[in-house]
Amino acid sequence: MKSLKSADITAVILAGGRGSRMGGQDKGLVRYQHQTLIAHVLTAVSQQTGQIVINANRNRDEYAALGYPVVEDSLNDFQGPLAGFLACMSSVKSTCILTLPCDGPLLAPDYLQRMMQAKNRSGCDIAIASDGERMQPVYALIPVSLQHSLQQYLAAGDRKIDLWYRQHSIELVDFSDQKTMFTNINSPEDMH
């Protein structure tokens, strides 16, 4: 297996949700500490890679104004993160996608590097971040070659992310030293 390099990876920022716990607001565009949540995420991830795609199902023009390609889910009705994974897998030119949510503004500065090293070291299909206690499923490094598997899984009506992961070999990547990375802004109370 050929060793993965950062040029083989496109970061996918997931901003395609309903935002139900945020009162229906588009979470990526919610303001937090003087800028939108997605602006925080873009600042952090753009220091790790220039290949970035935003997965969004609403406010596409506002996201496009940020200067990165915007990819909409191919499935209707907000089918969850896996639908975002699938849409982006079919639109990128790289061999892997590195996923992260739009509402996690405290991304580790070496997120891409550590995920890539773990995948290269273990030879796993999918590398998934862990906070040291639990898997953090929307922080993952996934080869685009699993697109067909994901398509079949979603076509069968399944949406549980961890069940799809279990169909493949996975490696948990320990970010217990960077636990704040998994702090996400889910509700207005989290804004303070």
N, C-alpha and C. Protein backbone atom coordinates (compact mmCIF):
# COMPACT_ATOMS: atom_id res chain seq x y z
N MET A 1 0.85 -1.19 0.00
CA MET A 1 0.00 0.00 0.00
C MET A 1 0.88 1.24 0.00
N LYS A 2 0.56 2.16 -0.91
CA LYS A 2 1.37 3.37 -1.02
C LYS A 2 1.06 4.32 0.13
N SER A 3 2.09 4.97 0.61
CA SER A 3 1.96 5.87 1.75
C SER A 3 1.18 7.13 1.37
N LEU A 4 0.25 7.49 2.21
CA LEU A 4 -0.60 8.66 1.99
C LEU A 4 0.19 9.93 2.29
N LYS A 5 0.00 10.95 1.45
CA LYS A 5 0.62 12.25 1.68
C LYS A 5 -0.49 13.29 1.82
N SER A 6 -0.16 14.45 2.37
CA SER A 6 -1.21 15.46 2.57
C SER A 6 -1.85 15.90 1.25
N ALA A 7 -1.11 15.83 0.15
CA ALA A 7 -1.68 16.20 -1.16
C ALA A 7 -2.78 15.24 -1.60
N ASP A 8 -2.84 14.05 -0.97
CA ASP A 8 -3.86 13.04 -1.31
C ASP A 8 -5.17 13.27 -0.56
N ILE A 9 -5.21 14.30 0.28
CA ILE A 9 -6.33 14.47 1.21
C ILE A 9 -7.04 15.80 0.99
N THR A 10 -8.38 15.76 0.95
CA THR A 10 -9.20 16.98 0.94
C THR A 10 -9.96 17.04 2.25
N ALA A 11 -9.87 18.17 2.92
CA ALA A 11 -10.65 18.37 4.15
C ALA A 11 -12.09 18.68 3.77
N VAL A 12 -13.02 18.02 4.46
CA VAL A 12 -14.45 18.21 4.23
C VAL A 12 -15.06 18.76 5.51
N ILE A 13 -15.53 20.00 5.44
CA ILE A 13 -16.19 20.61 6.60
C ILE A 13 -17.68 20.36 6.48
N LEU A 14 -18.23 19.68 7.46
CA LEU A 14 -19.64 19.29 7.44
C LEU A 14 -20.50 20.41 8.01
N ALA A 15 -21.25 21.08 7.13
CA ALA A 15 -22.13 22.16 7.54
C ALA A 15 -23.52 21.93 6.95
N GLY A 16 -23.86 20.66 6.76
CA GLY A 16 -25.11 20.35 6.06
C GLY A 16 -26.28 19.97 6.95
N GLY A 17 -26.14 20.18 8.26
CA GLY A 17 -27.19 19.72 9.18
C GLY A 17 -28.36 20.68 9.29
N ARG A 18 -29.35 20.22 10.05
CA ARG A 18 -30.58 20.98 10.27
C ARG A 18 -30.42 22.06 11.33
N GLY A 19 -29.46 21.86 12.24
CA GLY A 19 -29.26 22.82 13.33
C GLY A 19 -30.42 22.84 14.31
N SER A 20 -31.07 21.67 14.51
CA SER A 20 -32.27 21.65 15.35
C SER A 20 -32.00 22.08 16.80
N ARG A 21 -30.84 21.70 17.36
CA ARG A 21 -30.55 22.11 18.74
C ARG A 21 -30.16 23.58 18.81
N MET A 22 -29.94 24.20 17.66
CA MET A 22 -29.60 25.62 17.59
C MET A 22 -30.82 26.41 17.10
N GLY A 23 -32.01 25.84 17.33
CA GLY A 23 -33.24 26.51 16.93
C GLY A 23 -33.42 26.61 15.42
N GLY A 24 -32.81 25.65 14.69
CA GLY A 24 -32.96 25.63 13.25
C GLY A 24 -31.97 26.53 12.50
N GLN A 25 -31.12 27.23 13.25
CA GLN A 25 -30.12 28.08 12.59
C GLN A 25 -29.08 27.21 11.88
N ASP A 26 -28.52 27.74 10.82
CA ASP A 26 -27.43 27.07 10.10
C ASP A 26 -26.17 27.26 10.96
N LYS A 27 -25.75 26.18 11.63
CA LYS A 27 -24.70 26.30 12.66
C LYS A 27 -23.40 26.90 12.14
N GLY A 28 -23.01 26.56 10.93
CA GLY A 28 -21.75 27.09 10.41
C GLY A 28 -21.74 28.60 10.34
N LEU A 29 -22.92 29.22 10.21
CA LEU A 29 -23.01 30.67 10.05
C LEU A 29 -23.35 31.39 11.34
N VAL A 30 -23.50 30.65 12.42
CA VAL A 30 -23.75 31.27 13.73
C VAL A 30 -22.47 31.97 14.17
N ARG A 31 -22.62 33.17 14.73
CA ARG A 31 -21.45 33.93 15.17
C ARG A 31 -21.00 33.48 16.55
N TYR A 32 -19.70 33.31 16.68
CA TYR A 32 -19.07 32.87 17.93
C TYR A 32 -17.74 33.61 18.04
N GLN A 33 -17.55 34.33 19.13
CA GLN A 33 -16.32 35.10 19.32
C GLN A 33 -15.99 35.93 18.08
N HIS A 34 -16.94 36.76 17.66
CA HIS A 34 -16.78 37.77 16.61
C HIS A 34 -16.68 37.25 15.18
N GLN A 35 -16.81 35.95 14.97
CA GLN A 35 -16.87 35.46 13.58
C GLN A 35 -17.74 34.21 13.53
N THR A 36 -18.07 33.78 12.31
CA THR A 36 -18.91 32.59 12.19
C THR A 36 -18.13 31.35 12.64
N LEU A 37 -18.87 30.33 13.05
CA LEU A 37 -18.22 29.08 13.47
C LEU A 37 -17.37 28.51 12.35
N ILE A 38 -17.89 28.54 11.12
CA ILE A 38 -17.12 27.96 10.03
C ILE A 38 -15.85 28.75 9.76
N ALA A 39 -15.86 30.05 10.03
CA ALA A 39 -14.64 30.85 9.85
C ALA A 39 -13.54 30.37 10.80
N HIS A 40 -13.93 30.03 12.03
CA HIS A 40 -12.95 29.47 12.99
C HIS A 40 -12.36 28.17 12.45
N VAL A 41 -13.24 27.30 11.96
CA VAL A 41 -12.80 25.99 11.45
C VAL A 41 -11.91 26.17 10.22
N LEU A 42 -12.32 27.05 9.32
CA LEU A 42 -11.52 27.30 8.11
C LEU A 42 -10.13 27.83 8.45
N THR A 43 -10.05 28.72 9.42
CA THR A 43 -8.75 29.25 9.83
C THR A 43 -7.85 28.12 10.30
N ALA A 44 -8.40 27.23 11.12
CA ALA A 44 -7.61 26.13 11.68
C ALA A 44 -7.21 25.12 10.61
N VAL A 45 -8.14 24.70 9.76
CA VAL A 45 -7.84 23.63 8.81
C VAL A 45 -7.01 24.15 7.62
N SER A 46 -7.17 25.42 7.27
CA SER A 46 -6.41 25.95 6.13
C SER A 46 -4.92 26.05 6.44
N GLN A 47 -4.56 26.00 7.72
CA GLN A 47 -3.14 25.97 8.09
C GLN A 47 -2.56 24.56 7.91
N GLN A 48 -3.46 23.57 7.68
CA GLN A 48 -3.02 22.18 7.52
C GLN A 48 -3.12 21.70 6.07
N THR A 49 -4.05 22.27 5.30
CA THR A 49 -4.21 21.91 3.89
C THR A 49 -4.95 23.02 3.16
N GLY A 50 -4.65 23.15 1.87
CA GLY A 50 -5.37 24.11 1.05
C GLY A 50 -6.53 23.47 0.30
N GLN A 51 -6.60 22.13 0.37
CA GLN A 51 -7.68 21.41 -0.33
C GLN A 51 -8.85 21.25 0.64
N ILE A 52 -9.85 22.11 0.47
CA ILE A 52 -10.98 22.15 1.40
C ILE A 52 -12.27 22.22 0.61
N VAL A 53 -13.27 21.47 1.07
CA VAL A 53 -14.61 21.50 0.49
C VAL A 53 -15.58 21.70 1.66
N ILE A 54 -16.64 22.47 1.42
CA ILE A 54 -17.68 22.66 2.44
C ILE A 54 -18.92 21.90 2.00
N ASN A 55 -19.43 21.06 2.89
CA ASN A 55 -20.68 20.34 2.64
C ASN A 55 -21.80 21.14 3.28
N ALA A 56 -22.69 21.72 2.46
CA ALA A 56 -23.79 22.55 2.98
C ALA A 56 -25.05 22.33 2.16
N ASN A 57 -26.18 22.34 2.84
CA ASN A 57 -27.47 22.14 2.18
C ASN A 57 -28.35 23.39 2.20
N ARG A 58 -27.89 24.42 2.92
CA ARG A 58 -28.61 25.70 2.95
C ARG A 58 -27.57 26.81 2.80
N ASN A 59 -28.04 28.00 2.46
CA ASN A 59 -27.16 29.19 2.41
C ASN A 59 -25.89 28.94 1.60
N ARG A 60 -26.05 28.26 0.49
CA ARG A 60 -24.89 27.89 -0.32
C ARG A 60 -24.09 29.11 -0.78
N ASP A 61 -24.78 30.21 -1.11
CA ASP A 61 -24.06 31.41 -1.58
C ASP A 61 -23.17 31.99 -0.49
N GLU A 62 -23.67 31.98 0.75
CA GLU A 62 -22.86 32.50 1.87
C GLU A 62 -21.62 31.63 2.08
N TYR A 63 -21.79 30.33 1.97
CA TYR A 63 -20.64 29.43 2.11
C TYR A 63 -19.68 29.59 0.93
N ALA A 64 -20.23 29.70 -0.27
CA ALA A 64 -19.38 29.85 -1.47
C ALA A 64 -18.55 31.13 -1.40
N ALA A 65 -19.10 32.16 -0.76
CA ALA A 65 -18.40 33.44 -0.61
C ALA A 65 -17.12 33.29 0.22
N LEU A 66 -16.98 32.19 0.93
CA LEU A 66 -15.77 31.95 1.73
C LEU A 66 -14.60 31.50 0.87
N GLY A 67 -14.89 31.19 -0.41
CA GLY A 67 -13.81 30.91 -1.35
C GLY A 67 -13.46 29.44 -1.56
N TYR A 68 -14.31 28.55 -1.07
CA TYR A 68 -14.06 27.12 -1.23
C TYR A 68 -15.26 26.48 -1.93
N PRO A 69 -15.05 25.35 -2.62
CA PRO A 69 -16.19 24.67 -3.26
C PRO A 69 -17.23 24.24 -2.22
N VAL A 70 -18.49 24.35 -2.58
CA VAL A 70 -19.59 23.94 -1.71
C VAL A 70 -20.28 22.77 -2.38
N VAL A 71 -20.44 21.68 -1.64
CA VAL A 71 -21.07 20.46 -2.17
C VAL A 71 -22.32 20.17 -1.34
N GLU A 72 -23.42 20.01 -2.04
CA GLU A 72 -24.70 19.70 -1.40
C GLU A 72 -24.89 18.19 -1.34
N ASP A 73 -25.61 17.70 -0.31
CA ASP A 73 -25.92 16.27 -0.23
C ASP A 73 -26.66 15.83 -1.49
N SER A 74 -26.38 14.62 -1.94
CA SER A 74 -27.14 14.08 -3.07
C SER A 74 -28.45 13.46 -2.59
N LEU A 75 -28.55 13.19 -1.28
CA LEU A 75 -29.79 12.68 -0.69
C LEU A 75 -30.57 13.85 -0.11
N ASN A 76 -31.90 13.82 -0.24
CA ASN A 76 -32.74 14.91 0.28
C ASN A 76 -32.99 14.76 1.78
N ASP A 77 -33.52 15.82 2.36
CA ASP A 77 -34.04 15.81 3.74
C ASP A 77 -33.00 15.57 4.82
N PHE A 78 -31.84 16.16 4.71
CA PHE A 78 -30.86 16.15 5.80
C PHE A 78 -30.65 14.75 6.38
N GLN A 79 -29.97 13.91 5.63
CA GLN A 79 -29.80 12.50 5.99
C GLN A 79 -28.62 12.24 6.93
N GLY A 80 -27.96 13.28 7.40
CA GLY A 80 -26.88 13.10 8.37
C GLY A 80 -25.50 13.16 7.75
N PRO A 81 -24.47 13.01 8.60
CA PRO A 81 -23.09 13.18 8.13
C PRO A 81 -22.68 12.22 7.02
N LEU A 82 -23.18 11.00 7.04
CA LEU A 82 -22.78 10.05 6.00
C LEU A 82 -23.20 10.53 4.61
N ALA A 83 -24.34 11.21 4.53
CA ALA A 83 -24.79 11.77 3.24
C ALA A 83 -23.81 12.84 2.78
N GLY A 84 -23.28 13.61 3.73
CA GLY A 84 -22.28 14.61 3.40
C GLY A 84 -20.98 13.98 2.95
N PHE A 85 -20.59 12.90 3.64
CA PHE A 85 -19.38 12.16 3.23
C PHE A 85 -19.51 11.72 1.77
N LEU A 86 -20.66 11.09 1.46
CA LEU A 86 -20.88 10.52 0.14
C LEU A 86 -20.83 11.60 -0.95
N ALA A 87 -21.52 12.70 -0.72
CA ALA A 87 -21.56 13.79 -1.71
C ALA A 87 -20.15 14.31 -1.98
N CYS A 88 -19.36 14.46 -0.93
CA CYS A 88 -18.01 15.00 -1.10
C CYS A 88 -17.05 13.98 -1.72
N MET A 89 -17.24 12.70 -1.38
CA MET A 89 -16.39 11.66 -1.98
C MET A 89 -16.49 11.69 -3.51
N SER A 90 -17.70 11.95 -4.01
CA SER A 90 -17.87 11.92 -5.46
C SER A 90 -17.45 13.22 -6.12
N SER A 91 -17.16 14.26 -5.33
CA SER A 91 -16.82 15.55 -5.95
C SER A 91 -15.34 15.91 -5.84
N VAL A 92 -14.58 15.22 -4.99
CA VAL A 92 -13.16 15.58 -4.83
C VAL A 92 -12.27 14.78 -5.77
N LYS A 93 -11.09 15.31 -6.02
CA LYS A 93 -10.13 14.62 -6.89
C LYS A 93 -9.10 13.84 -6.07
N SER A 94 -9.06 14.05 -4.77
CA SER A 94 -8.07 13.39 -3.92
C SER A 94 -8.46 11.94 -3.63
N THR A 95 -7.55 11.19 -3.01
CA THR A 95 -7.84 9.78 -2.72
C THR A 95 -8.53 9.59 -1.37
N CYS A 96 -8.46 10.61 -0.50
CA CYS A 96 -9.10 10.52 0.83
C CYS A 96 -9.78 11.83 1.19
N ILE A 97 -10.81 11.72 2.05
CA ILE A 97 -11.40 12.92 2.65
C ILE A 97 -11.11 12.89 4.15
N LEU A 98 -10.85 14.06 4.69
CA LEU A 98 -10.64 14.25 6.13
C LEU A 98 -11.83 15.05 6.62
N THR A 99 -12.69 14.43 7.42
CA THR A 99 -13.94 15.08 7.79
C THR A 99 -13.83 15.78 9.14
N LEU A 100 -14.58 16.87 9.27
CA LEU A 100 -14.66 17.61 10.52
C LEU A 100 -15.93 18.45 10.51
N PRO A 101 -16.51 18.70 11.69
CA PRO A 101 -17.76 19.45 11.74
C PRO A 101 -17.52 20.96 11.73
N CYS A 102 -18.55 21.69 11.27
CA CYS A 102 -18.45 23.15 11.21
C CYS A 102 -18.59 23.78 12.60
N ASP A 103 -19.03 22.99 13.59
CA ASP A 103 -19.28 23.56 14.91
C ASP A 103 -18.22 23.19 15.95
N GLY A 104 -17.04 22.79 15.46
CA GLY A 104 -15.93 22.47 16.35
C GLY A 104 -14.79 23.45 16.11
N PRO A 105 -14.86 24.64 16.72
CA PRO A 105 -13.90 25.70 16.39
C PRO A 105 -12.48 25.51 16.92
N LEU A 106 -12.24 24.48 17.73
CA LEU A 106 -10.93 24.34 18.39
C LEU A 106 -10.13 23.17 17.82
N LEU A 107 -10.02 23.11 16.52
CA LEU A 107 -9.34 22.00 15.84
C LEU A 107 -7.86 21.91 16.23
N ALA A 108 -7.40 20.69 16.48
CA ALA A 108 -5.98 20.48 16.81
C ALA A 108 -5.12 20.92 15.62
N PRO A 109 -4.00 21.61 15.88
CA PRO A 109 -3.17 22.11 14.80
C PRO A 109 -2.50 21.01 13.97
N ASP A 110 -2.47 19.79 14.51
CA ASP A 110 -1.85 18.68 13.79
C ASP A 110 -2.86 17.58 13.46
N TYR A 111 -4.13 17.97 13.34
CA TYR A 111 -5.20 16.99 13.08
C TYR A 111 -4.91 16.16 11.83
N LEU A 112 -4.69 16.82 10.71
CA LEU A 112 -4.43 16.10 9.45
C LEU A 112 -3.19 15.21 9.59
N GLN A 113 -2.13 15.76 10.12
CA GLN A 113 -0.86 15.03 10.24
C GLN A 113 -1.02 13.74 11.05
N ARG A 114 -1.67 13.85 12.19
CA ARG A 114 -1.82 12.68 13.07
C ARG A 114 -2.73 11.61 12.45
N MET A 115 -3.79 12.06 11.79
CA MET A 115 -4.71 11.11 11.15
C MET A 115 -3.99 10.38 10.01
N MET A 116 -3.24 11.13 9.21
CA MET A 116 -2.51 10.55 8.08
C MET A 116 -1.45 9.56 8.58
N GLN A 117 -0.72 9.94 9.61
CA GLN A 117 0.31 9.05 10.16
C GLN A 117 -0.31 7.75 10.68
N ALA A 118 -1.45 7.85 11.36
CA ALA A 118 -2.10 6.66 11.90
C ALA A 118 -2.55 5.74 10.78
N LYS A 119 -3.11 6.32 9.72
CA LYS A 119 -3.58 5.50 8.59
C LYS A 119 -2.39 4.84 7.90
N ASN A 120 -1.32 5.57 7.71
CA ASN A 120 -0.12 5.01 7.07
C ASN A 120 0.50 3.91 7.94
N ARG A 121 0.54 4.14 9.23
CA ARG A 121 1.17 3.18 10.15
C ARG A 121 0.37 1.88 10.25
N SER A 122 -0.95 2.01 10.35
CA SER A 122 -1.77 0.83 10.61
C SER A 122 -2.25 0.12 9.35
N GLY A 123 -2.34 0.87 8.24
CA GLY A 123 -2.88 0.28 7.02
C GLY A 123 -4.39 0.08 7.08
N CYS A 124 -5.05 0.73 8.04
CA CYS A 124 -6.51 0.59 8.20
C CYS A 124 -7.24 1.22 7.02
N ASP A 125 -8.53 0.88 6.89
CA ASP A 125 -9.37 1.54 5.89
C ASP A 125 -9.66 2.97 6.33
N ILE A 126 -10.13 3.12 7.58
CA ILE A 126 -10.59 4.42 8.07
C ILE A 126 -9.90 4.74 9.40
N ALA A 127 -9.35 5.93 9.50
CA ALA A 127 -8.80 6.42 10.78
C ALA A 127 -9.85 7.34 11.39
N ILE A 128 -10.14 7.12 12.68
CA ILE A 128 -11.18 7.90 13.37
C ILE A 128 -10.58 8.47 14.64
N ALA A 129 -10.82 9.74 14.87
CA ALA A 129 -10.30 10.39 16.08
C ALA A 129 -11.02 9.87 17.32
N SER A 130 -10.29 9.84 18.43
CA SER A 130 -10.84 9.45 19.73
C SER A 130 -10.39 10.48 20.76
N ASP A 131 -11.26 10.75 21.72
CA ASP A 131 -10.88 11.68 22.79
C ASP A 131 -10.16 10.96 23.93
N GLY A 132 -9.85 9.68 23.70
CA GLY A 132 -9.21 8.87 24.73
C GLY A 132 -10.21 7.97 25.44
N GLU A 133 -11.48 8.33 25.36
CA GLU A 133 -12.55 7.51 25.96
C GLU A 133 -13.52 7.02 24.90
N ARG A 134 -13.85 7.91 23.97
CA ARG A 134 -14.85 7.57 22.96
C ARG A 134 -14.37 7.95 21.56
N MET A 135 -14.86 7.18 20.61
CA MET A 135 -14.65 7.51 19.20
C MET A 135 -15.42 8.81 18.91
N GLN A 136 -14.82 9.67 18.09
CA GLN A 136 -15.47 10.92 17.66
C GLN A 136 -15.73 10.78 16.16
N PRO A 137 -16.87 10.19 15.79
CA PRO A 137 -17.07 9.69 14.43
C PRO A 137 -17.06 10.71 13.30
N VAL A 138 -17.33 11.98 13.57
CA VAL A 138 -17.30 12.93 12.44
C VAL A 138 -15.90 13.48 12.18
N TYR A 139 -14.93 13.05 12.97
CA TYR A 139 -13.52 13.38 12.73
C TYR A 139 -12.86 12.11 12.18
N ALA A 140 -12.80 12.01 10.86
CA ALA A 140 -12.31 10.76 10.26
C ALA A 140 -11.53 11.02 8.97
N LEU A 141 -10.67 10.07 8.66
CA LEU A 141 -9.92 10.08 7.40
C LEU A 141 -10.37 8.84 6.62
N ILE A 142 -11.05 9.08 5.50
CA ILE A 142 -11.75 8.01 4.78
C ILE A 142 -11.33 8.00 3.31
N PRO A 143 -10.94 6.83 2.78
CA PRO A 143 -10.60 6.77 1.36
C PRO A 143 -11.85 6.90 0.47
N VAL A 144 -11.71 7.64 -0.59
CA VAL A 144 -12.80 7.83 -1.55
C VAL A 144 -13.20 6.48 -2.17
N SER A 145 -12.29 5.51 -2.16
CA SER A 145 -12.59 4.19 -2.73
C SER A 145 -13.72 3.47 -1.97
N LEU A 146 -14.09 3.97 -0.78
CA LEU A 146 -15.20 3.34 -0.03
C LEU A 146 -16.56 3.94 -0.42
N GLN A 147 -16.57 4.77 -1.45
CA GLN A 147 -17.80 5.42 -1.88
C GLN A 147 -18.92 4.42 -2.20
N HIS A 148 -18.59 3.35 -2.92
CA HIS A 148 -19.61 2.37 -3.31
C HIS A 148 -20.19 1.68 -2.07
N SER A 149 -19.34 1.33 -1.13
CA SER A 149 -19.79 0.71 0.12
C SER A 149 -20.75 1.65 0.86
N LEU A 150 -20.41 2.94 0.92
CA LEU A 150 -21.25 3.91 1.62
C LEU A 150 -22.56 4.11 0.88
N GLN A 151 -22.50 4.14 -0.44
CA GLN A 151 -23.71 4.29 -1.26
C GLN A 151 -24.69 3.14 -0.97
N GLN A 152 -24.17 1.92 -0.93
CA GLN A 152 -25.02 0.76 -0.66
C GLN A 152 -25.61 0.82 0.75
N TYR A 153 -24.80 1.22 1.70
CA TYR A 153 -25.24 1.33 3.10
C TYR A 153 -26.39 2.33 3.21
N LEU A 154 -26.24 3.50 2.58
CA LEU A 154 -27.28 4.53 2.65
C LEU A 154 -28.52 4.11 1.86
N ALA A 155 -28.32 3.43 0.73
CA ALA A 155 -29.44 2.96 -0.09
C ALA A 155 -30.31 1.96 0.67
N ALA A 156 -29.69 1.23 1.61
CA ALA A 156 -30.43 0.26 2.43
C ALA A 156 -31.21 0.95 3.55
N GLY A 157 -31.07 2.28 3.65
CA GLY A 157 -31.81 3.04 4.66
C GLY A 157 -31.06 3.23 5.96
N ASP A 158 -29.83 2.77 6.01
CA ASP A 158 -29.05 2.91 7.24
C ASP A 158 -28.42 4.30 7.32
N ARG A 159 -28.31 4.82 8.56
CA ARG A 159 -27.73 6.14 8.75
C ARG A 159 -26.70 6.16 9.89
N LYS A 160 -26.60 5.09 10.66
CA LYS A 160 -25.69 5.09 11.82
C LYS A 160 -24.24 5.01 11.36
N ILE A 161 -23.51 6.04 11.70
CA ILE A 161 -22.14 6.21 11.23
C ILE A 161 -21.21 5.10 11.74
N ASP A 162 -21.34 4.75 13.02
CA ASP A 162 -20.43 3.75 13.59
C ASP A 162 -20.68 2.36 13.02
N LEU A 163 -21.92 2.06 12.62
CA LEU A 163 -22.21 0.75 12.03
C LEU A 163 -21.57 0.63 10.65
N TRP A 164 -21.56 1.73 9.90
CA TRP A 164 -20.88 1.69 8.60
C TRP A 164 -19.37 1.54 8.82
N TYR A 165 -18.84 2.27 9.77
CA TYR A 165 -17.40 2.14 10.05
C TYR A 165 -17.03 0.69 10.36
N ARG A 166 -17.88 0.01 11.11
CA ARG A 166 -17.57 -1.37 11.52
C ARG A 166 -17.50 -2.35 10.36
N GLN A 167 -17.98 -1.95 9.19
CA GLN A 167 -17.88 -2.82 8.01
C GLN A 167 -16.46 -2.79 7.43
N HIS A 168 -15.62 -1.91 7.98
CA HIS A 168 -14.27 -1.71 7.46
C HIS A 168 -13.26 -1.79 8.60
N SER A 169 -11.97 -1.90 8.24
CA SER A 169 -10.97 -1.90 9.32
C SER A 169 -10.75 -0.45 9.74
N ILE A 170 -10.76 -0.23 11.06
CA ILE A 170 -10.61 1.13 11.57
C ILE A 170 -9.44 1.21 12.55
N GLU A 171 -8.93 2.40 12.68
CA GLU A 171 -7.88 2.70 13.65
C GLU A 171 -8.34 3.94 14.42
N LEU A 172 -8.39 3.83 15.74
CA LEU A 172 -8.72 5.01 16.55
C LEU A 172 -7.45 5.80 16.78
N VAL A 173 -7.52 7.10 16.55
CA VAL A 173 -6.36 7.98 16.70
C VAL A 173 -6.55 8.79 17.98
N ASP A 174 -5.63 8.63 18.90
CA ASP A 174 -5.76 9.21 20.24
C ASP A 174 -5.47 10.71 20.24
N PHE A 175 -6.51 11.48 20.52
CA PHE A 175 -6.37 12.93 20.69
C PHE A 175 -6.69 13.32 22.13
N SER A 176 -6.42 12.42 23.09
CA SER A 176 -6.76 12.72 24.49
C SER A 176 -5.98 13.93 25.00
N ASP A 177 -4.86 14.24 24.36
CA ASP A 177 -4.09 15.43 24.74
C ASP A 177 -4.66 16.70 24.11
N GLN A 178 -5.68 16.55 23.26
CA GLN A 178 -6.30 17.69 22.57
C GLN A 178 -7.82 17.62 22.71
N LYS A 179 -8.30 17.21 23.88
CA LYS A 179 -9.75 16.98 24.07
C LYS A 179 -10.62 18.18 23.71
N THR A 180 -10.08 19.39 23.87
CA THR A 180 -10.90 20.58 23.57
C THR A 180 -11.31 20.61 22.10
N MET A 181 -10.57 19.89 21.25
CA MET A 181 -10.92 19.84 19.83
C MET A 181 -12.35 19.34 19.63
N PHE A 182 -12.84 18.52 20.54
CA PHE A 182 -14.17 17.91 20.37
C PHE A 182 -15.28 18.72 21.04
N THR A 183 -14.95 19.91 21.51
CA THR A 183 -15.96 20.80 22.07
C THR A 183 -16.73 21.38 20.90
N ASN A 184 -18.00 21.01 20.80
CA ASN A 184 -18.75 21.61 19.70
C ASN A 184 -19.87 22.47 20.21
N ILE A 185 -20.23 23.42 19.40
CA ILE A 185 -21.25 24.42 19.74
C ILE A 185 -22.57 23.90 19.18
N ASN A 186 -23.38 23.32 20.07
CA ASN A 186 -24.63 22.69 19.63
C ASN A 186 -25.86 23.52 19.89
N SER A 187 -25.79 24.37 20.90
CA SER A 187 -26.98 25.11 21.32
C SER A 187 -26.58 26.51 21.73
N PRO A 188 -27.55 27.42 21.85
CA PRO A 188 -27.21 28.79 22.26
C PRO A 188 -26.45 28.84 23.59
N GLU A 189 -26.72 27.87 24.49
CA GLU A 189 -26.03 27.83 25.80
C GLU A 189 -24.53 27.60 25.64
N ASP A 190 -24.14 26.88 24.59
CA ASP A 190 -22.71 26.58 24.37
C ASP A 190 -21.92 27.79 23.89
N MET A 191 -22.62 28.87 23.58
CA MET A 191 -21.95 30.03 23.00
C MET A 191 -21.16 30.83 24.05
N HIS A 192 -21.37 30.53 25.32
CA HIS A 192 -20.74 31.36 26.38
C HIS A 192 -19.53 30.69 26.98
